[in-house]
Amino acid sequence: MSFSLSFSHVGIFVTDLERMIRFYTKFLGFAVSDREPGLRGGEICFLTRDSREHHQFVLASGRPADSGFNLINQLSFRVDSLATLRQIHRDAVAMKLNDLHTVTHGNALSVYFRDPEGNRIELLIDTPWYCLQPQRVPVDFSLPDDALWASIENIVKDKPRFMKRETWVAEIEQKIAQATAQRGIIEP
């Protein structure tokens, strides 16, 4: 049986709901679509940047302040252009956000930083290339656009499995079709 499956949204527990709502609405431009008491007490806030999606991101109160370990590796958000990515980087610098880095993974150009509760945030755009992952190479955002793109291509062109993005997309479409065809019930 073939069917469509796409990622819809993610929810995280937070310690300071007000502070986190302020960060995600004021800095990243999310809109609050609903905010209500949670099913197990506390409060839940639904956020979106897409009018077709009730929520893309959910913040729920209840994360212990002293949990000692953050289960979230990172939250990644795609932006629409290099200009937007540069503006967010400038804003992150002005806000003195923690753990701020500009990197390429070969297949993406990314800005990383931490939100107010220490969750790693990645904002990214795709590059025209693919190379074997993982890759994480610092890039200089002070370069003009053309020089930045040339520097990224220069970084990734000698990496294993370097290819144009379209070639990689065709390969992964075949892998997805094979995985979907082999889908079935498994033992727990």
N, C-alpha and C. Protein backbone atom coordinates (compact mmCIF):
# COMPACT_ATOMS: atom_id res chain seq x y z
N MET A 1 0.84 -1.18 0.00
CA MET A 1 0.00 0.00 0.00
C MET A 1 0.88 1.24 0.00
N SER A 2 0.68 2.11 -0.94
CA SER A 2 1.44 3.35 -1.04
C SER A 2 0.61 4.50 -0.44
N PHE A 3 1.27 5.39 0.26
CA PHE A 3 0.58 6.54 0.83
C PHE A 3 1.56 7.69 0.99
N SER A 4 1.03 8.86 1.19
CA SER A 4 1.84 10.05 1.37
C SER A 4 2.09 10.28 2.86
N LEU A 5 3.30 10.65 3.20
CA LEU A 5 3.66 10.94 4.58
C LEU A 5 4.61 12.12 4.58
N SER A 6 4.28 13.17 5.33
CA SER A 6 5.17 14.31 5.45
C SER A 6 5.17 14.79 6.89
N PHE A 7 6.27 15.39 7.28
CA PHE A 7 6.39 15.89 8.64
C PHE A 7 5.47 17.08 8.82
N SER A 8 4.78 17.15 9.95
CA SER A 8 3.81 18.20 10.20
C SER A 8 4.28 19.21 11.23
N HIS A 9 4.61 18.77 12.45
CA HIS A 9 4.97 19.71 13.50
C HIS A 9 5.74 19.00 14.60
N VAL A 10 6.28 19.82 15.50
CA VAL A 10 7.00 19.29 16.66
C VAL A 10 6.57 20.09 17.87
N GLY A 11 6.58 19.44 19.02
CA GLY A 11 6.26 20.12 20.27
C GLY A 11 7.37 19.85 21.28
N ILE A 12 7.66 20.86 22.10
CA ILE A 12 8.68 20.70 23.13
C ILE A 12 8.15 21.21 24.46
N PHE A 13 8.65 20.62 25.54
CA PHE A 13 8.37 21.13 26.87
C PHE A 13 9.31 22.27 27.18
N VAL A 14 8.81 23.30 27.85
CA VAL A 14 9.61 24.46 28.20
C VAL A 14 9.45 24.77 29.68
N THR A 15 10.42 25.49 30.21
CA THR A 15 10.39 25.91 31.61
C THR A 15 9.66 27.24 31.77
N ASP A 16 10.01 28.22 30.97
CA ASP A 16 9.44 29.56 31.05
C ASP A 16 8.64 29.83 29.78
N LEU A 17 7.37 29.49 29.81
CA LEU A 17 6.53 29.58 28.61
C LEU A 17 6.47 31.00 28.06
N GLU A 18 6.30 32.00 28.91
CA GLU A 18 6.20 33.38 28.44
C GLU A 18 7.46 33.81 27.68
N ARG A 19 8.61 33.50 28.25
CA ARG A 19 9.88 33.88 27.63
C ARG A 19 10.05 33.19 26.28
N MET A 20 9.70 31.91 26.23
CA MET A 20 9.85 31.16 24.98
C MET A 20 8.87 31.65 23.91
N ILE A 21 7.63 31.96 24.29
CA ILE A 21 6.67 32.51 23.33
C ILE A 21 7.21 33.83 22.78
N ARG A 22 7.71 34.67 23.65
CA ARG A 22 8.25 35.97 23.23
C ARG A 22 9.39 35.77 22.23
N PHE A 23 10.31 34.83 22.52
CA PHE A 23 11.43 34.58 21.62
C PHE A 23 10.95 34.12 20.24
N TYR A 24 10.10 33.10 20.22
CA TYR A 24 9.69 32.52 18.94
C TYR A 24 8.75 33.44 18.14
N THR A 25 7.99 34.30 18.82
CA THR A 25 7.13 35.23 18.08
C THR A 25 7.89 36.49 17.67
N LYS A 26 8.64 37.06 18.58
CA LYS A 26 9.32 38.33 18.29
C LYS A 26 10.57 38.15 17.44
N PHE A 27 11.35 37.10 17.70
CA PHE A 27 12.59 36.93 16.94
C PHE A 27 12.39 36.14 15.65
N LEU A 28 11.63 35.05 15.70
CA LEU A 28 11.47 34.21 14.50
C LEU A 28 10.14 34.44 13.79
N GLY A 29 9.26 35.29 14.32
CA GLY A 29 8.07 35.68 13.58
C GLY A 29 6.93 34.68 13.58
N PHE A 30 6.92 33.74 14.51
CA PHE A 30 5.78 32.82 14.61
C PHE A 30 4.57 33.59 15.15
N ALA A 31 3.37 33.16 14.76
CA ALA A 31 2.12 33.70 15.29
C ALA A 31 1.51 32.66 16.21
N VAL A 32 0.89 33.12 17.28
CA VAL A 32 0.18 32.21 18.19
C VAL A 32 -1.17 31.90 17.56
N SER A 33 -1.41 30.62 17.27
CA SER A 33 -2.70 30.23 16.68
C SER A 33 -3.70 29.83 17.76
N ASP A 34 -3.22 29.31 18.87
CA ASP A 34 -4.05 28.98 20.02
C ASP A 34 -3.17 28.88 21.24
N ARG A 35 -3.77 29.18 22.39
CA ARG A 35 -3.07 29.06 23.66
C ARG A 35 -4.11 28.71 24.72
N GLU A 36 -3.94 27.56 25.33
CA GLU A 36 -4.95 27.05 26.25
C GLU A 36 -4.30 26.24 27.37
N PRO A 37 -5.10 25.93 28.39
CA PRO A 37 -4.59 25.00 29.42
C PRO A 37 -4.26 23.66 28.76
N GLY A 38 -3.20 23.01 29.23
CA GLY A 38 -2.83 21.71 28.69
C GLY A 38 -3.71 20.60 29.22
N LEU A 39 -3.63 19.46 28.58
CA LEU A 39 -4.45 18.31 28.99
C LEU A 39 -4.02 17.75 30.34
N ARG A 40 -2.77 17.92 30.73
CA ARG A 40 -2.26 17.41 31.99
C ARG A 40 -1.88 18.55 32.94
N GLY A 41 -2.61 19.65 32.86
CA GLY A 41 -2.26 20.83 33.64
C GLY A 41 -1.29 21.68 32.86
N GLY A 42 -0.84 22.76 33.44
CA GLY A 42 0.08 23.63 32.74
C GLY A 42 -0.61 24.34 31.59
N GLU A 43 0.18 24.73 30.60
CA GLU A 43 -0.36 25.48 29.47
C GLU A 43 0.33 25.05 28.19
N ILE A 44 -0.38 25.18 27.08
CA ILE A 44 0.17 24.81 25.78
C ILE A 44 -0.08 25.96 24.80
N CYS A 45 0.92 26.23 23.98
CA CYS A 45 0.83 27.31 23.01
C CYS A 45 1.17 26.76 21.63
N PHE A 46 0.28 26.98 20.67
CA PHE A 46 0.46 26.53 19.30
C PHE A 46 0.96 27.70 18.46
N LEU A 47 2.02 27.48 17.69
CA LEU A 47 2.65 28.53 16.89
C LEU A 47 2.72 28.10 15.43
N THR A 48 2.58 29.08 14.54
CA THR A 48 2.70 28.78 13.10
C THR A 48 3.26 29.97 12.35
N ARG A 49 3.86 29.68 11.20
CA ARG A 49 4.26 30.70 10.23
C ARG A 49 3.64 30.38 8.87
N ASP A 50 2.68 29.47 8.86
CA ASP A 50 2.03 29.04 7.62
C ASP A 50 0.52 29.01 7.86
N SER A 51 -0.22 29.85 7.15
CA SER A 51 -1.66 29.94 7.36
C SER A 51 -2.39 28.64 7.00
N ARG A 52 -1.74 27.73 6.31
CA ARG A 52 -2.36 26.44 5.99
C ARG A 52 -2.18 25.44 7.11
N GLU A 53 -1.31 25.76 8.08
CA GLU A 53 -1.02 24.85 9.19
C GLU A 53 -1.46 25.50 10.50
N HIS A 54 -2.37 24.85 11.22
CA HIS A 54 -2.78 25.38 12.52
C HIS A 54 -1.57 25.59 13.41
N HIS A 55 -0.69 24.62 13.43
CA HIS A 55 0.55 24.79 14.19
C HIS A 55 1.67 24.00 13.53
N GLN A 56 2.86 24.58 13.60
CA GLN A 56 4.08 23.93 13.15
C GLN A 56 5.00 23.65 14.33
N PHE A 57 4.73 24.38 15.42
CA PHE A 57 5.61 24.32 16.59
C PHE A 57 4.73 24.49 17.82
N VAL A 58 4.94 23.65 18.83
CA VAL A 58 4.14 23.68 20.04
C VAL A 58 5.07 23.84 21.24
N LEU A 59 4.71 24.76 22.12
CA LEU A 59 5.42 24.95 23.38
C LEU A 59 4.48 24.53 24.50
N ALA A 60 4.94 23.64 25.37
CA ALA A 60 4.12 23.18 26.48
C ALA A 60 4.89 23.37 27.78
N SER A 61 4.23 23.98 28.75
CA SER A 61 4.89 24.17 30.04
C SER A 61 5.11 22.81 30.71
N GLY A 62 6.03 22.79 31.67
CA GLY A 62 6.23 21.55 32.42
C GLY A 62 7.64 21.01 32.40
N ARG A 63 8.55 21.61 31.65
CA ARG A 63 9.93 21.14 31.65
C ARG A 63 10.60 21.57 32.96
N PRO A 64 11.14 20.63 33.71
CA PRO A 64 11.82 21.01 34.96
C PRO A 64 13.04 21.89 34.68
N ALA A 65 13.19 22.94 35.45
CA ALA A 65 14.32 23.86 35.26
C ALA A 65 15.65 23.17 35.54
N ASP A 66 15.64 22.17 36.36
CA ASP A 66 16.89 21.50 36.76
C ASP A 66 17.01 20.10 36.15
N SER A 67 16.48 19.91 34.95
CA SER A 67 16.46 18.57 34.35
C SER A 67 17.86 18.02 34.08
N GLY A 68 18.85 18.89 33.91
CA GLY A 68 20.23 18.44 33.77
C GLY A 68 20.63 17.96 32.39
N PHE A 69 19.67 17.64 31.55
CA PHE A 69 19.99 17.16 30.21
C PHE A 69 18.87 17.57 29.28
N ASN A 70 19.22 18.09 28.12
CA ASN A 70 18.25 18.51 27.13
C ASN A 70 18.12 17.40 26.09
N LEU A 71 16.94 16.85 25.96
CA LEU A 71 16.72 15.76 25.00
C LEU A 71 16.68 16.24 23.56
N ILE A 72 16.55 17.55 23.35
CA ILE A 72 16.46 18.09 22.00
C ILE A 72 17.86 18.31 21.45
N ASN A 73 18.18 17.65 20.34
CA ASN A 73 19.46 17.87 19.68
C ASN A 73 19.44 19.22 18.98
N GLN A 74 18.43 19.44 18.15
CA GLN A 74 18.27 20.73 17.49
C GLN A 74 16.90 20.83 16.86
N LEU A 75 16.48 22.07 16.64
CA LEU A 75 15.25 22.39 15.91
C LEU A 75 15.67 23.18 14.68
N SER A 76 15.31 22.70 13.51
CA SER A 76 15.77 23.32 12.27
C SER A 76 14.60 23.92 11.51
N PHE A 77 14.80 25.15 11.04
CA PHE A 77 13.78 25.87 10.30
C PHE A 77 14.38 26.37 8.98
N ARG A 78 13.68 26.09 7.89
CA ARG A 78 14.11 26.55 6.57
C ARG A 78 13.63 27.99 6.37
N VAL A 79 14.48 28.84 5.84
CA VAL A 79 14.09 30.21 5.51
C VAL A 79 14.06 30.35 3.99
N ASP A 80 13.55 31.49 3.52
CA ASP A 80 13.27 31.63 2.09
C ASP A 80 14.44 32.10 1.23
N SER A 81 15.50 32.66 1.84
CA SER A 81 16.56 33.21 0.99
C SER A 81 17.84 33.45 1.80
N LEU A 82 18.92 33.66 1.06
CA LEU A 82 20.18 34.04 1.69
C LEU A 82 20.03 35.39 2.38
N ALA A 83 19.29 36.31 1.79
CA ALA A 83 19.08 37.62 2.41
C ALA A 83 18.41 37.48 3.77
N THR A 84 17.41 36.62 3.87
CA THR A 84 16.75 36.38 5.16
C THR A 84 17.71 35.76 6.15
N LEU A 85 18.48 34.78 5.70
CA LEU A 85 19.44 34.13 6.58
C LEU A 85 20.47 35.14 7.11
N ARG A 86 20.93 36.01 6.23
CA ARG A 86 21.88 37.06 6.66
C ARG A 86 21.24 38.01 7.67
N GLN A 87 19.98 38.39 7.45
CA GLN A 87 19.30 39.30 8.38
C GLN A 87 19.13 38.65 9.75
N ILE A 88 18.75 37.39 9.76
CA ILE A 88 18.61 36.68 11.03
C ILE A 88 19.95 36.59 11.74
N HIS A 89 21.01 36.36 10.98
CA HIS A 89 22.34 36.32 11.57
C HIS A 89 22.68 37.66 12.20
N ARG A 90 22.44 38.75 11.48
CA ARG A 90 22.71 40.09 12.03
C ARG A 90 21.90 40.32 13.31
N ASP A 91 20.63 39.91 13.29
CA ASP A 91 19.78 40.08 14.48
C ASP A 91 20.28 39.22 15.64
N ALA A 92 20.73 38.02 15.33
CA ALA A 92 21.25 37.13 16.39
C ALA A 92 22.53 37.71 17.00
N VAL A 93 23.38 38.31 16.16
CA VAL A 93 24.58 38.97 16.66
C VAL A 93 24.18 40.14 17.57
N ALA A 94 23.23 40.96 17.12
CA ALA A 94 22.78 42.11 17.91
C ALA A 94 22.18 41.68 19.24
N MET A 95 21.50 40.53 19.25
CA MET A 95 20.89 40.03 20.49
C MET A 95 21.88 39.28 21.37
N LYS A 96 23.10 39.07 20.83
CA LYS A 96 24.14 38.33 21.55
C LYS A 96 23.66 36.94 21.96
N LEU A 97 23.04 36.25 20.99
CA LEU A 97 22.56 34.90 21.26
C LEU A 97 23.74 33.96 21.47
N ASN A 98 23.55 32.99 22.32
CA ASN A 98 24.60 32.03 22.65
C ASN A 98 24.87 31.04 21.53
N ASP A 99 26.13 30.61 21.46
CA ASP A 99 26.54 29.51 20.58
C ASP A 99 26.22 29.81 19.11
N LEU A 100 26.50 31.04 18.68
CA LEU A 100 26.19 31.49 17.32
C LEU A 100 27.28 31.05 16.35
N HIS A 101 26.86 30.32 15.29
CA HIS A 101 27.80 29.82 14.28
C HIS A 101 27.17 29.92 12.90
N THR A 102 28.00 30.20 11.90
CA THR A 102 27.58 30.13 10.50
C THR A 102 28.39 29.01 9.86
N VAL A 103 27.69 28.04 9.27
CA VAL A 103 28.36 26.86 8.73
C VAL A 103 27.69 26.42 7.43
N THR A 104 28.43 25.60 6.70
CA THR A 104 27.82 24.86 5.60
C THR A 104 27.95 23.37 5.91
N HIS A 105 26.93 22.65 5.50
CA HIS A 105 26.95 21.18 5.56
C HIS A 105 27.17 20.63 4.15
N GLY A 106 27.43 21.52 3.23
CA GLY A 106 27.55 21.14 1.82
C GLY A 106 26.21 21.21 1.14
N ASN A 107 25.21 20.58 1.73
CA ASN A 107 23.86 20.60 1.17
C ASN A 107 23.02 21.74 1.72
N ALA A 108 23.53 22.45 2.74
CA ALA A 108 22.80 23.55 3.36
C ALA A 108 23.78 24.61 3.84
N LEU A 109 23.27 25.82 3.94
CA LEU A 109 23.99 26.94 4.55
C LEU A 109 23.18 27.29 5.78
N SER A 110 23.81 27.33 6.95
CA SER A 110 23.07 27.40 8.20
C SER A 110 23.62 28.43 9.17
N VAL A 111 22.71 28.95 9.97
CA VAL A 111 23.04 29.76 11.13
C VAL A 111 22.52 29.00 12.34
N TYR A 112 23.41 28.78 13.32
CA TYR A 112 23.05 28.08 14.55
C TYR A 112 23.14 29.03 15.73
N PHE A 113 22.25 28.86 16.70
CA PHE A 113 22.30 29.58 17.96
C PHE A 113 21.43 28.84 18.96
N ARG A 114 21.41 29.31 20.20
CA ARG A 114 20.58 28.71 21.26
C ARG A 114 19.40 29.61 21.57
N ASP A 115 18.23 29.00 21.81
CA ASP A 115 17.08 29.77 22.26
C ASP A 115 17.23 30.06 23.76
N PRO A 116 16.30 30.78 24.38
CA PRO A 116 16.48 31.15 25.78
C PRO A 116 16.63 29.98 26.76
N GLU A 117 16.17 28.79 26.39
CA GLU A 117 16.31 27.64 27.29
C GLU A 117 17.40 26.68 26.84
N GLY A 118 18.25 27.13 25.93
CA GLY A 118 19.41 26.35 25.53
C GLY A 118 19.18 25.35 24.42
N ASN A 119 18.01 25.33 23.80
CA ASN A 119 17.77 24.44 22.66
C ASN A 119 18.53 24.97 21.45
N ARG A 120 19.24 24.08 20.76
CA ARG A 120 19.97 24.49 19.57
C ARG A 120 18.99 24.71 18.43
N ILE A 121 19.09 25.88 17.79
CA ILE A 121 18.23 26.26 16.67
C ILE A 121 19.11 26.37 15.44
N GLU A 122 18.63 25.82 14.33
CA GLU A 122 19.30 25.97 13.04
C GLU A 122 18.32 26.63 12.09
N LEU A 123 18.76 27.69 11.43
CA LEU A 123 18.02 28.29 10.33
C LEU A 123 18.84 28.03 9.09
N LEU A 124 18.20 27.59 8.01
CA LEU A 124 18.98 27.12 6.87
C LEU A 124 18.33 27.44 5.54
N ILE A 125 19.17 27.41 4.51
CA ILE A 125 18.72 27.36 3.12
C ILE A 125 19.50 26.24 2.45
N ASP A 126 18.91 25.67 1.41
CA ASP A 126 19.60 24.62 0.65
C ASP A 126 20.67 25.25 -0.22
N THR A 127 21.71 24.46 -0.49
CA THR A 127 22.69 24.84 -1.50
C THR A 127 22.36 24.05 -2.77
N PRO A 128 23.01 24.35 -3.88
CA PRO A 128 22.77 23.58 -5.11
C PRO A 128 23.50 22.24 -5.14
N TRP A 129 24.15 21.86 -4.02
CA TRP A 129 25.00 20.67 -4.01
C TRP A 129 24.61 19.69 -2.92
N TYR A 130 25.16 18.51 -3.05
CA TYR A 130 25.06 17.48 -2.01
C TYR A 130 26.46 16.90 -1.84
N CYS A 131 26.79 16.52 -0.62
CA CYS A 131 27.97 15.72 -0.34
C CYS A 131 27.66 14.86 0.87
N LEU A 132 28.45 13.82 1.07
CA LEU A 132 28.23 12.87 2.15
C LEU A 132 28.12 13.61 3.48
N GLN A 133 27.13 13.22 4.26
CA GLN A 133 26.91 13.83 5.57
C GLN A 133 27.40 12.91 6.69
N PRO A 134 27.81 13.43 7.82
CA PRO A 134 27.72 14.83 8.22
C PRO A 134 28.93 15.64 7.79
N GLN A 135 28.70 16.90 7.54
CA GLN A 135 29.73 17.91 7.27
C GLN A 135 29.35 19.13 8.10
N ARG A 136 30.32 19.82 8.62
CA ARG A 136 30.06 21.08 9.34
C ARG A 136 31.32 21.92 9.22
N VAL A 137 31.30 22.87 8.27
CA VAL A 137 32.47 23.69 7.99
C VAL A 137 32.08 25.15 8.19
N PRO A 138 32.82 25.89 9.02
CA PRO A 138 32.51 27.31 9.21
C PRO A 138 32.61 28.09 7.90
N VAL A 139 31.72 29.07 7.74
CA VAL A 139 31.75 29.95 6.58
C VAL A 139 31.73 31.40 7.05
N ASP A 140 32.23 32.27 6.20
CA ASP A 140 32.37 33.68 6.52
C ASP A 140 31.19 34.47 5.94
N PHE A 141 30.26 34.87 6.80
CA PHE A 141 29.07 35.60 6.35
C PHE A 141 29.37 37.04 5.96
N SER A 142 30.60 37.50 6.16
CA SER A 142 30.93 38.86 5.72
C SER A 142 31.23 38.90 4.22
N LEU A 143 31.38 37.74 3.59
CA LEU A 143 31.64 37.70 2.14
C LEU A 143 30.40 38.13 1.36
N PRO A 144 30.58 38.79 0.21
CA PRO A 144 29.43 39.07 -0.67
C PRO A 144 28.82 37.75 -1.14
N ASP A 145 27.57 37.80 -1.57
CA ASP A 145 26.84 36.58 -1.95
C ASP A 145 27.63 35.68 -2.90
N ASP A 146 28.10 36.25 -4.03
CA ASP A 146 28.82 35.43 -5.02
C ASP A 146 30.05 34.77 -4.42
N ALA A 147 30.80 35.50 -3.62
CA ALA A 147 32.01 34.95 -3.01
C ALA A 147 31.65 33.89 -1.97
N LEU A 148 30.56 34.10 -1.25
CA LEU A 148 30.13 33.11 -0.26
C LEU A 148 29.77 31.80 -0.94
N TRP A 149 28.95 31.87 -2.01
CA TRP A 149 28.57 30.66 -2.74
C TRP A 149 29.80 29.97 -3.34
N ALA A 150 30.72 30.75 -3.90
CA ALA A 150 31.95 30.17 -4.47
C ALA A 150 32.77 29.48 -3.39
N SER A 151 32.85 30.08 -2.21
CA SER A 151 33.63 29.47 -1.12
C SER A 151 32.99 28.16 -0.68
N ILE A 152 31.67 28.11 -0.64
CA ILE A 152 30.99 26.87 -0.25
C ILE A 152 31.22 25.78 -1.28
N GLU A 153 31.08 26.12 -2.57
CA GLU A 153 31.33 25.12 -3.61
C GLU A 153 32.77 24.63 -3.53
N ASN A 154 33.70 25.53 -3.27
CA ASN A 154 35.10 25.15 -3.15
C ASN A 154 35.32 24.20 -1.96
N ILE A 155 34.59 24.43 -0.88
CA ILE A 155 34.69 23.58 0.32
C ILE A 155 34.18 22.17 0.02
N VAL A 156 33.05 22.07 -0.67
CA VAL A 156 32.37 20.78 -0.79
C VAL A 156 32.72 19.98 -2.05
N LYS A 157 33.33 20.61 -3.04
CA LYS A 157 33.53 19.91 -4.32
C LYS A 157 34.45 18.70 -4.21
N ASP A 158 35.31 18.66 -3.20
CA ASP A 158 36.20 17.51 -3.04
C ASP A 158 35.74 16.55 -1.95
N LYS A 159 34.56 16.78 -1.39
CA LYS A 159 34.01 15.89 -0.36
C LYS A 159 33.46 14.63 -1.02
N PRO A 160 33.44 13.52 -0.28
CA PRO A 160 32.87 12.29 -0.84
C PRO A 160 31.42 12.48 -1.29
N ARG A 161 31.08 11.87 -2.41
CA ARG A 161 29.75 11.86 -3.00
C ARG A 161 29.27 13.23 -3.44
N PHE A 162 30.18 14.16 -3.72
CA PHE A 162 29.79 15.49 -4.20
C PHE A 162 29.01 15.34 -5.50
N MET A 163 27.87 16.03 -5.57
CA MET A 163 27.04 16.02 -6.78
C MET A 163 26.09 17.20 -6.73
N LYS A 164 25.46 17.47 -7.85
CA LYS A 164 24.42 18.50 -7.88
C LYS A 164 23.21 18.01 -7.08
N ARG A 165 22.50 18.94 -6.50
CA ARG A 165 21.34 18.60 -5.67
C ARG A 165 20.31 17.78 -6.46
N GLU A 166 20.08 18.14 -7.74
CA GLU A 166 19.07 17.43 -8.53
C GLU A 166 19.40 15.94 -8.65
N THR A 167 20.69 15.61 -8.77
CA THR A 167 21.10 14.21 -8.86
C THR A 167 20.80 13.49 -7.56
N TRP A 168 21.11 14.14 -6.44
CA TRP A 168 20.82 13.54 -5.13
C TRP A 168 19.31 13.36 -4.95
N VAL A 169 18.51 14.36 -5.35
CA VAL A 169 17.06 14.26 -5.22
C VAL A 169 16.54 13.04 -5.98
N ALA A 170 17.02 12.81 -7.19
CA ALA A 170 16.59 11.65 -7.97
C ALA A 170 16.96 10.35 -7.25
N GLU A 171 18.16 10.30 -6.68
CA GLU A 171 18.59 9.10 -5.94
C GLU A 171 17.70 8.85 -4.73
N ILE A 172 17.40 9.90 -3.96
CA ILE A 172 16.62 9.71 -2.74
C ILE A 172 15.16 9.40 -3.07
N GLU A 173 14.65 9.91 -4.18
CA GLU A 173 13.29 9.55 -4.60
C GLU A 173 13.20 8.05 -4.85
N GLN A 174 14.23 7.46 -5.47
CA GLN A 174 14.25 6.01 -5.69
C GLN A 174 14.29 5.26 -4.36
N LYS A 175 15.11 5.73 -3.42
CA LYS A 175 15.20 5.08 -2.11
C LYS A 175 13.87 5.14 -1.36
N ILE A 176 13.20 6.27 -1.45
CA ILE A 176 11.90 6.41 -0.78
C ILE A 176 10.87 5.48 -1.41
N ALA A 177 10.88 5.39 -2.74
CA ALA A 177 9.95 4.49 -3.43
C ALA A 177 10.20 3.04 -3.01
N GLN A 178 11.47 2.63 -2.90
CA GLN A 178 11.80 1.28 -2.46
C GLN A 178 11.36 1.03 -1.02
N ALA A 179 11.61 2.01 -0.14
CA ALA A 179 11.23 1.86 1.27
C ALA A 179 9.71 1.77 1.40
N THR A 180 9.00 2.57 0.63
CA THR A 180 7.54 2.55 0.68
C THR A 180 7.01 1.22 0.18
N ALA A 181 7.61 0.69 -0.87
CA ALA A 181 7.18 -0.60 -1.43
C ALA A 181 7.43 -1.74 -0.44
N GLN A 182 8.44 -1.61 0.39
CA GLN A 182 8.79 -2.67 1.35
C GLN A 182 8.12 -2.49 2.71
N ARG A 183 7.33 -1.42 2.84
CA ARG A 183 6.68 -1.12 4.11
C ARG A 183 5.73 -2.23 4.51
N GLY A 184 5.66 -2.52 5.80
CA GLY A 184 4.73 -3.53 6.28
C GLY A 184 4.70 -3.52 7.81
N ILE A 185 3.95 -4.43 8.34
CA ILE A 185 3.82 -4.56 9.80
C ILE A 185 5.09 -5.20 10.36
N ILE A 186 5.58 -4.67 11.46
CA ILE A 186 6.77 -5.25 12.09
C ILE A 186 6.44 -5.65 13.52
N GLU A 187 7.22 -6.55 14.04
CA GLU A 187 7.07 -6.98 15.43
C GLU A 187 7.60 -5.88 16.34
N PRO A 188 6.90 -5.61 17.46
CA PRO A 188 7.42 -4.58 18.39
C PRO A 188 8.68 -5.02 19.08
